[in-house]
Amino acid sequence: MNFYDVLDELNEENKGMAVNPYAYKKEGKWYEGFISIDYLNKNYGQYSTAEEMINATESEGLKLYFAWLRDKGILN
């Protein structure tokens, strides 16, 4: 999977980045931020489903992010 094919890049100033509603957690609350599309391609591009990506990470934020992408219909 190439995340550039399914994610919307931000403006020119933040090229190569996509919105992530689970970018960081502070005092028990998740905050929106950005995630590198290159990072996603490098570390999760070999997977084809959100479930595979969720199972491939220990990061709570990434698990939530991949589930969010699945729920929005961006990933299977």
PDB file of N, CA and C in Angstrom:
ATOM      1  N   MET A   1       0.828  -1.167   0.000  1.00  0.00           N
ATOM      2  CA  MET A   1       0.000   0.000   0.000  1.00  0.00           C
ATOM      3  C   MET A   1       0.881   1.241   0.000  1.00  0.00           C
ATOM      4  N   ASN A   2       0.479   2.204  -0.770  1.00  0.00           N
ATOM      5  CA  ASN A   2       1.153   3.494  -0.774  1.00  0.00           C
ATOM      6  C   ASN A   2       0.199   4.500  -0.129  1.00  0.00           C
ATOM      7  N   PHE A   3       0.554   4.988   1.038  1.00  0.00           N
ATOM      8  CA  PHE A   3      -0.313   5.903   1.762  1.00  0.00           C
ATOM      9  C   PHE A   3      -0.529   7.221   1.026  1.00  0.00           C
ATOM     10  N   TYR A   4       0.384   7.579   0.116  1.00  0.00           N
ATOM     11  CA  TYR A   4       0.179   8.790  -0.691  1.00  0.00           C
ATOM     12  C   TYR A   4      -1.057   8.639  -1.578  1.00  0.00           C
ATOM     13  N   ASP A   5      -1.429   7.404  -1.903  1.00  0.00           N
ATOM     14  CA  ASP A   5      -2.594   7.156  -2.753  1.00  0.00           C
ATOM     15  C   ASP A   5      -3.913   7.292  -1.997  1.00  0.00           C
ATOM     16  N   VAL A   6      -3.892   7.183  -0.681  1.00  0.00           N
ATOM     17  CA  VAL A   6      -5.151   7.171   0.075  1.00  0.00           C
ATOM     18  C   VAL A   6      -5.297   8.321   1.071  1.00  0.00           C
ATOM     19  N   LEU A   7      -4.219   8.984   1.428  1.00  0.00           N
ATOM     20  CA  LEU A   7      -4.290  10.084   2.394  1.00  0.00           C
ATOM     21  C   LEU A   7      -4.167  11.423   1.690  1.00  0.00           C
ATOM     22  N   ASP A   8      -4.828  12.423   2.235  1.00  0.00           N
ATOM     23  CA  ASP A   8      -4.707  13.782   1.720  1.00  0.00           C
ATOM     24  C   ASP A   8      -3.517  14.453   2.390  1.00  0.00           C
ATOM     25  N   GLU A   9      -2.615  14.948   1.551  1.00  0.00           N
ATOM     26  CA  GLU A   9      -1.480  15.699   2.091  1.00  0.00           C
ATOM     27  C   GLU A   9      -1.957  17.076   2.542  1.00  0.00           C
ATOM     28  N   LEU A  10      -1.285  17.612   3.524  1.00  0.00           N
ATOM     29  CA  LEU A  10      -1.592  18.967   3.973  1.00  0.00           C
ATOM     30  C   LEU A  10      -1.048  19.965   2.968  1.00  0.00           C
ATOM     31  N   ASN A  11      -1.113  21.221   3.282  1.00  0.00           N
ATOM     32  CA  ASN A  11      -0.657  22.275   2.380  1.00  0.00           C
ATOM     33  C   ASN A  11       0.842  22.165   2.075  1.00  0.00           C
ATOM     34  N   GLU A  12       1.305  23.005   1.186  1.00  0.00           N
ATOM     35  CA  GLU A  12       2.715  22.973   0.765  1.00  0.00           C
ATOM     36  C   GLU A  12       3.681  23.078   1.941  1.00  0.00           C
ATOM     37  N   GLU A  13       3.317  23.850   2.942  1.00  0.00           N
ATOM     38  CA  GLU A  13       4.177  24.033   4.109  1.00  0.00           C
ATOM     39  C   GLU A  13       4.380  22.720   4.872  1.00  0.00           C
ATOM     40  N   ASN A  14       3.374  21.873   4.827  1.00  0.00           N
ATOM     41  CA  ASN A  14       3.431  20.588   5.524  1.00  0.00           C
ATOM     42  C   ASN A  14       3.344  19.419   4.549  1.00  0.00           C
ATOM     43  N   LYS A  15       3.995  19.557   3.425  1.00  0.00           N
ATOM     44  CA  LYS A  15       3.974  18.520   2.389  1.00  0.00           C
ATOM     45  C   LYS A  15       4.499  17.204   2.960  1.00  0.00           C
ATOM     46  N   GLY A  16       3.851  16.115   2.590  1.00  0.00           N
ATOM     47  CA  GLY A  16       4.268  14.805   3.064  1.00  0.00           C
ATOM     48  C   GLY A  16       3.687  14.441   4.419  1.00  0.00           C
ATOM     49  N   MET A  17       2.796  15.284   4.925  1.00  0.00           N
ATOM     50  CA  MET A  17       2.178  15.050   6.220  1.00  0.00           C
ATOM     51  C   MET A  17       0.669  14.914   6.042  1.00  0.00           C
ATOM     52  N   ALA A  18       0.050  14.137   6.917  1.00  0.00           N
ATOM     53  CA  ALA A  18      -1.399  13.964   6.912  1.00  0.00           C
ATOM     54  C   ALA A  18      -1.925  14.212   8.324  1.00  0.00           C
ATOM     55  N   VAL A  19      -3.194  14.534   8.425  1.00  0.00           N
ATOM     56  CA  VAL A  19      -3.826  14.767   9.729  1.00  0.00           C
ATOM     57  C   VAL A  19      -3.916  13.453  10.487  1.00  0.00           C
ATOM     58  N   ASN A  20      -3.632  13.530  11.775  1.00  0.00           N
ATOM     59  CA  ASN A  20      -3.764  12.380  12.666  1.00  0.00           C
ATOM     60  C   ASN A  20      -4.488  12.852  13.925  1.00  0.00           C
ATOM     61  N   PRO A  21      -5.739  12.405  14.134  1.00  0.00           N
ATOM     62  CA  PRO A  21      -6.474  12.844  15.318  1.00  0.00           C
ATOM     63  C   PRO A  21      -5.936  12.254  16.617  1.00  0.00           C
ATOM     64  N   TYR A  22      -4.989  11.342  16.512  1.00  0.00           N
ATOM     65  CA  TYR A  22      -4.390  10.697  17.685  1.00  0.00           C
ATOM     66  C   TYR A  22      -2.882  10.921  17.705  1.00  0.00           C
ATOM     67  N   ALA A  23      -2.461  12.135  17.405  1.00  0.00           N
ATOM     68  CA  ALA A  23      -1.037  12.440  17.289  1.00  0.00           C
ATOM     69  C   ALA A  23      -0.317  12.373  18.632  1.00  0.00           C
ATOM     70  N   TYR A  24      -0.979  12.847  19.677  1.00  0.00           N
ATOM     71  CA  TYR A  24      -0.358  12.749  20.999  1.00  0.00           C
ATOM     72  C   TYR A  24      -1.425  12.783  22.081  1.00  0.00           C
ATOM     73  N   LYS A  25      -1.041  12.285  23.234  1.00  0.00           N
ATOM     74  CA  LYS A  25      -1.955  12.185  24.368  1.00  0.00           C
ATOM     75  C   LYS A  25      -1.363  12.963  25.535  1.00  0.00           C
ATOM     76  N   LYS A  26      -2.198  13.801  26.131  1.00  0.00           N
ATOM     77  CA  LYS A  26      -1.755  14.604  27.270  1.00  0.00           C
ATOM     78  C   LYS A  26      -2.857  14.573  28.321  1.00  0.00           C
ATOM     79  N   GLU A  27      -2.474  14.163  29.513  1.00  0.00           N
ATOM     80  CA  GLU A  27      -3.396  14.074  30.637  1.00  0.00           C
ATOM     81  C   GLU A  27      -4.650  13.277  30.273  1.00  0.00           C
ATOM     82  N   GLY A  28      -4.444  12.169  29.565  1.00  0.00           N
ATOM     83  CA  GLY A  28      -5.526  11.258  29.227  1.00  0.00           C
ATOM     84  C   GLY A  28      -6.377  11.650  28.038  1.00  0.00           C
ATOM     85  N   LYS A  29      -6.062  12.764  27.359  1.00  0.00           N
ATOM     86  CA  LYS A  29      -6.845  13.222  26.217  1.00  0.00           C
ATOM     87  C   LYS A  29      -5.991  13.206  24.947  1.00  0.00           C
ATOM     88  N   TRP A  30      -6.576  12.692  23.847  1.00  0.00           N
ATOM     89  CA  TRP A  30      -5.881  12.663  22.563  1.00  0.00           C
ATOM     90  C   TRP A  30      -6.023  13.997  21.856  1.00  0.00           C
ATOM     91  N   TYR A  31      -4.947  14.409  21.180  1.00  0.00           N
ATOM     92  CA  TYR A  31      -4.935  15.667  20.441  1.00  0.00           C
ATOM     93  C   TYR A  31      -4.559  15.420  18.983  1.00  0.00           C
ATOM     94  N   GLU A  32      -5.153  16.232  18.121  1.00  0.00           N
ATOM     95  CA  GLU A  32      -4.881  16.147  16.692  1.00  0.00           C
ATOM     96  C   GLU A  32      -3.525  16.755  16.370  1.00  0.00           C
ATOM     97  N   GLY A  33      -2.900  16.175  15.383  1.00  0.00           N
ATOM     98  CA  GLY A  33      -1.618  16.670  14.896  1.00  0.00           C
ATOM     99  C   GLY A  33      -1.383  16.114  13.510  1.00  0.00           C
ATOM    100  N   PHE A  34      -0.137  15.817  13.202  1.00  0.00           N
ATOM    101  CA  PHE A  34       0.240  15.339  11.875  1.00  0.00           C
ATOM    102  C   PHE A  34       1.010  14.034  11.990  1.00  0.00           C
ATOM    103  N   ILE A  35       1.024  13.300  10.875  1.00  0.00           N
ATOM    104  CA  ILE A  35       1.843  12.099  10.781  1.00  0.00           C
ATOM    105  C   ILE A  35       2.507  12.097   9.413  1.00  0.00           C
ATOM    106  N   SER A  36       3.725  11.634   9.366  1.00  0.00           N
ATOM    107  CA  SER A  36       4.491  11.583   8.123  1.00  0.00           C
ATOM    108  C   SER A  36       3.999  10.429   7.255  1.00  0.00           C
ATOM    109  N   ILE A  37       3.649  10.756   6.022  1.00  0.00           N
ATOM    110  CA  ILE A  37       3.219   9.726   5.082  1.00  0.00           C
ATOM    111  C   ILE A  37       4.401   8.827   4.728  1.00  0.00           C
ATOM    112  N   ASP A  38       5.595   9.386   4.643  1.00  0.00           N
ATOM    113  CA  ASP A  38       6.788   8.569   4.383  1.00  0.00           C
ATOM    114  C   ASP A  38       7.001   7.555   5.511  1.00  0.00           C
ATOM    115  N   TYR A  39       6.785   7.978   6.752  1.00  0.00           N
ATOM    116  CA  TYR A  39       6.910   7.064   7.898  1.00  0.00           C
ATOM    117  C   TYR A  39       5.902   5.913   7.766  1.00  0.00           C
ATOM    118  N   LEU A  40       4.674   6.246   7.420  1.00  0.00           N
ATOM    119  CA  LEU A  40       3.656   5.200   7.263  1.00  0.00           C
ATOM    120  C   LEU A  40       4.043   4.232   6.147  1.00  0.00           C
ATOM    121  N   ASN A  41       4.504   4.768   5.017  1.00  0.00           N
ATOM    122  CA  ASN A  41       4.916   3.900   3.904  1.00  0.00           C
ATOM    123  C   ASN A  41       6.067   2.989   4.307  1.00  0.00           C
ATOM    124  N   LYS A  42       7.047   3.549   4.987  1.00  0.00           N
ATOM    125  CA  LYS A  42       8.234   2.773   5.369  1.00  0.00           C
ATOM    126  C   LYS A  42       7.900   1.660   6.359  1.00  0.00           C
ATOM    127  N   ASN A  43       7.036   1.958   7.326  1.00  0.00           N
ATOM    128  CA  ASN A  43       6.789   1.015   8.408  1.00  0.00           C
ATOM    129  C   ASN A  43       5.526   0.169   8.263  1.00  0.00           C
ATOM    130  N   TYR A  44       4.571   0.629   7.440  1.00  0.00           N
ATOM    131  CA  TYR A  44       3.299  -0.095   7.337  1.00  0.00           C
ATOM    132  C   TYR A  44       2.835  -0.297   5.897  1.00  0.00           C
ATOM    133  N   GLY A  45       3.624   0.138   4.947  1.00  0.00           N
ATOM    134  CA  GLY A  45       3.252   0.018   3.540  1.00  0.00           C
ATOM    135  C   GLY A  45       3.152  -1.412   3.036  1.00  0.00           C
ATOM    136  N   GLN A  46       3.776  -2.346   3.741  1.00  0.00           N
ATOM    137  CA  GLN A  46       3.730  -3.743   3.307  1.00  0.00           C
ATOM    138  C   GLN A  46       2.406  -4.415   3.667  1.00  0.00           C
ATOM    139  N   TYR A  47       1.573  -3.761   4.471  1.00  0.00           N
ATOM    140  CA  TYR A  47       0.298  -4.338   4.886  1.00  0.00           C
ATOM    141  C   TYR A  47      -0.828  -3.810   4.006  1.00  0.00           C
ATOM    142  N   SER A  48      -1.893  -4.603   3.882  1.00  0.00           N
ATOM    143  CA  SER A  48      -2.988  -4.180   3.015  1.00  0.00           C
ATOM    144  C   SER A  48      -4.271  -3.853   3.769  1.00  0.00           C
ATOM    145  N   THR A  49      -4.361  -4.207   5.046  1.00  0.00           N
ATOM    146  CA  THR A  49      -5.576  -3.912   5.802  1.00  0.00           C
ATOM    147  C   THR A  49      -5.240  -3.183   7.100  1.00  0.00           C
ATOM    148  N   ALA A  50      -6.239  -2.474   7.598  1.00  0.00           N
ATOM    149  CA  ALA A  50      -6.068  -1.773   8.874  1.00  0.00           C
ATOM    150  C   ALA A  50      -5.784  -2.760   9.992  1.00  0.00           C
ATOM    151  N   GLU A  51      -6.420  -3.909   9.963  1.00  0.00           N
ATOM    152  CA  GLU A  51      -6.215  -4.908  11.021  1.00  0.00           C
ATOM    153  C   GLU A  51      -4.765  -5.385  11.053  1.00  0.00           C
ATOM    154  N   GLU A  52      -4.170  -5.586   9.889  1.00  0.00           N
ATOM    155  CA  GLU A  52      -2.754  -5.981   9.837  1.00  0.00           C
ATOM    156  C   GLU A  52      -1.867  -4.885  10.428  1.00  0.00           C
ATOM    157  N   MET A  53      -2.192  -3.639  10.124  1.00  0.00           N
ATOM    158  CA  MET A  53      -1.408  -2.511  10.636  1.00  0.00           C
ATOM    159  C   MET A  53      -1.569  -2.384  12.147  1.00  0.00           C
ATOM    160  N   ILE A  54      -2.781  -2.548  12.619  1.00  0.00           N
ATOM    161  CA  ILE A  54      -3.050  -2.491  14.060  1.00  0.00           C
ATOM    162  C   ILE A  54      -2.257  -3.574  14.783  1.00  0.00           C
ATOM    163  N   ASN A  55      -2.231  -4.760  14.214  1.00  0.00           N
ATOM    164  CA  ASN A  55      -1.507  -5.875  14.828  1.00  0.00           C
ATOM    165  C   ASN A  55       0.008  -5.709  14.749  1.00  0.00           C
ATOM    166  N   ALA A  56       0.483  -4.852  13.841  1.00  0.00           N
ATOM    167  CA  ALA A  56       1.923  -4.680  13.635  1.00  0.00           C
ATOM    168  C   ALA A  56       2.536  -3.597  14.516  1.00  0.00           C
ATOM    169  N   THR A  57       1.718  -2.910  15.298  1.00  0.00           N
ATOM    170  CA  THR A  57       2.255  -1.834  16.136  1.00  0.00           C
ATOM    171  C   THR A  57       1.869  -2.038  17.598  1.00  0.00           C
ATOM    172  N   GLU A  58       2.705  -1.515  18.462  1.00  0.00           N
ATOM    173  CA  GLU A  58       2.388  -1.505  19.887  1.00  0.00           C
ATOM    174  C   GLU A  58       1.903  -0.131  20.325  1.00  0.00           C
ATOM    175  N   SER A  59       1.953   0.834  19.426  1.00  0.00           N
ATOM    176  CA  SER A  59       1.568   2.207  19.733  1.00  0.00           C
ATOM    177  C   SER A  59       0.043   2.333  19.833  1.00  0.00           C
ATOM    178  N   GLU A  60      -0.417   2.795  20.986  1.00  0.00           N
ATOM    179  CA  GLU A  60      -1.854   3.005  21.182  1.00  0.00           C
ATOM    180  C   GLU A  60      -2.396   4.033  20.186  1.00  0.00           C
ATOM    181  N   GLY A  61      -1.638   5.108  19.973  1.00  0.00           N
ATOM    182  CA  GLY A  61      -2.066   6.144  19.041  1.00  0.00           C
ATOM    183  C   GLY A  61      -2.175   5.644  17.618  1.00  0.00           C
ATOM    184  N   LEU A  62      -1.204   4.835  17.170  1.00  0.00           N
ATOM    185  CA  LEU A  62      -1.267   4.291  15.809  1.00  0.00           C
ATOM    186  C   LEU A  62      -2.397   3.281  15.665  1.00  0.00           C
ATOM    187  N   LYS A  63      -2.637   2.491  16.689  1.00  0.00           N
ATOM    188  CA  LYS A  63      -3.776   1.560  16.638  1.00  0.00           C
ATOM    189  C   LYS A  63      -5.074   2.336  16.441  1.00  0.00           C
ATOM    190  N   LEU A  64      -5.244   3.423  17.191  1.00  0.00           N
ATOM    191  CA  LEU A  64      -6.439   4.255  17.054  1.00  0.00           C
ATOM    192  C   LEU A  64      -6.491   4.929  15.683  1.00  0.00           C
ATOM    193  N   TYR A  65      -5.342   5.373  15.202  1.00  0.00           N
ATOM    194  CA  TYR A  65      -5.277   6.027  13.892  1.00  0.00           C
ATOM    195  C   TYR A  65      -5.685   5.071  12.772  1.00  0.00           C
ATOM    196  N   PHE A  66      -5.135   3.868  12.777  1.00  0.00           N
ATOM    197  CA  PHE A  66      -5.487   2.903  11.736  1.00  0.00           C
ATOM    198  C   PHE A  66      -6.965   2.516  11.819  1.00  0.00           C
ATOM    199  N   ALA A  67      -7.503   2.377  13.019  1.00  0.00           N
ATOM    200  CA  ALA A  67      -8.934   2.081  13.181  1.00  0.00           C
ATOM    201  C   ALA A  67      -9.770   3.252  12.664  1.00  0.00           C
ATOM    202  N   TRP A  68      -9.314   4.485  12.917  1.00  0.00           N
ATOM    203  CA  TRP A  68     -10.008   5.678  12.423  1.00  0.00           C
ATOM    204  C   TRP A  68     -10.017   5.696  10.897  1.00  0.00           C
ATOM    205  N   LEU A  69      -8.873   5.378  10.276  1.00  0.00           N
ATOM    206  CA  LEU A  69      -8.810   5.314   8.815  1.00  0.00           C
ATOM    207  C   LEU A  69      -9.752   4.235   8.282  1.00  0.00           C
ATOM    208  N   ARG A  70      -9.826   3.112   8.961  1.00  0.00           N
ATOM    209  CA  ARG A  70     -10.739   2.033   8.560  1.00  0.00           C
ATOM    210  C   ARG A  70     -12.186   2.503   8.685  1.00  0.00           C
ATOM    211  N   ASP A  71     -12.522   3.124   9.800  1.00  0.00           N
ATOM    212  CA  ASP A  71     -13.900   3.570  10.030  1.00  0.00           C
ATOM    213  C   ASP A  71     -14.334   4.652   9.056  1.00  0.00           C
ATOM    214  N   LYS A  72     -13.389   5.439   8.558  1.00  0.00           N
ATOM    215  CA  LYS A  72     -13.696   6.467   7.556  1.00  0.00           C
ATOM    216  C   LYS A  72     -13.746   5.898   6.136  1.00  0.00           C
ATOM    217  N   GLY A  73     -13.424   4.598   5.991  1.00  0.00           N
ATOM    218  CA  GLY A  73     -13.457   3.961   4.676  1.00  0.00           C
ATOM    219  C   GLY A  73     -12.204   4.185   3.865  1.00  0.00           C
ATOM    220  N   ILE A  74     -11.153   4.714   4.482  1.00  0.00           N
ATOM    221  CA  ILE A  74      -9.892   4.969   3.780  1.00  0.00           C
ATOM    222  C   ILE A  74      -9.085   3.683   3.668  1.00  0.00           C
ATOM    223  N   LEU A  75      -9.129   2.863   4.723  1.00  0.00           N
ATOM    224  CA  LEU A  75      -8.475   1.546   4.714  1.00  0.00           C
ATOM    225  C   LEU A  75      -9.528   0.466   4.850  1.00  0.00           C
ATOM    226  N   ASN A  76      -9.191  -0.713   4.379  1.00  0.00           N
ATOM    227  CA  ASN A  76     -10.085  -1.876   4.549  1.00  0.00           C
ATOM    228  C   ASN A  76      -9.891  -2.476   5.915  1.00  0.00           C
TER     229      ASN A  76
END
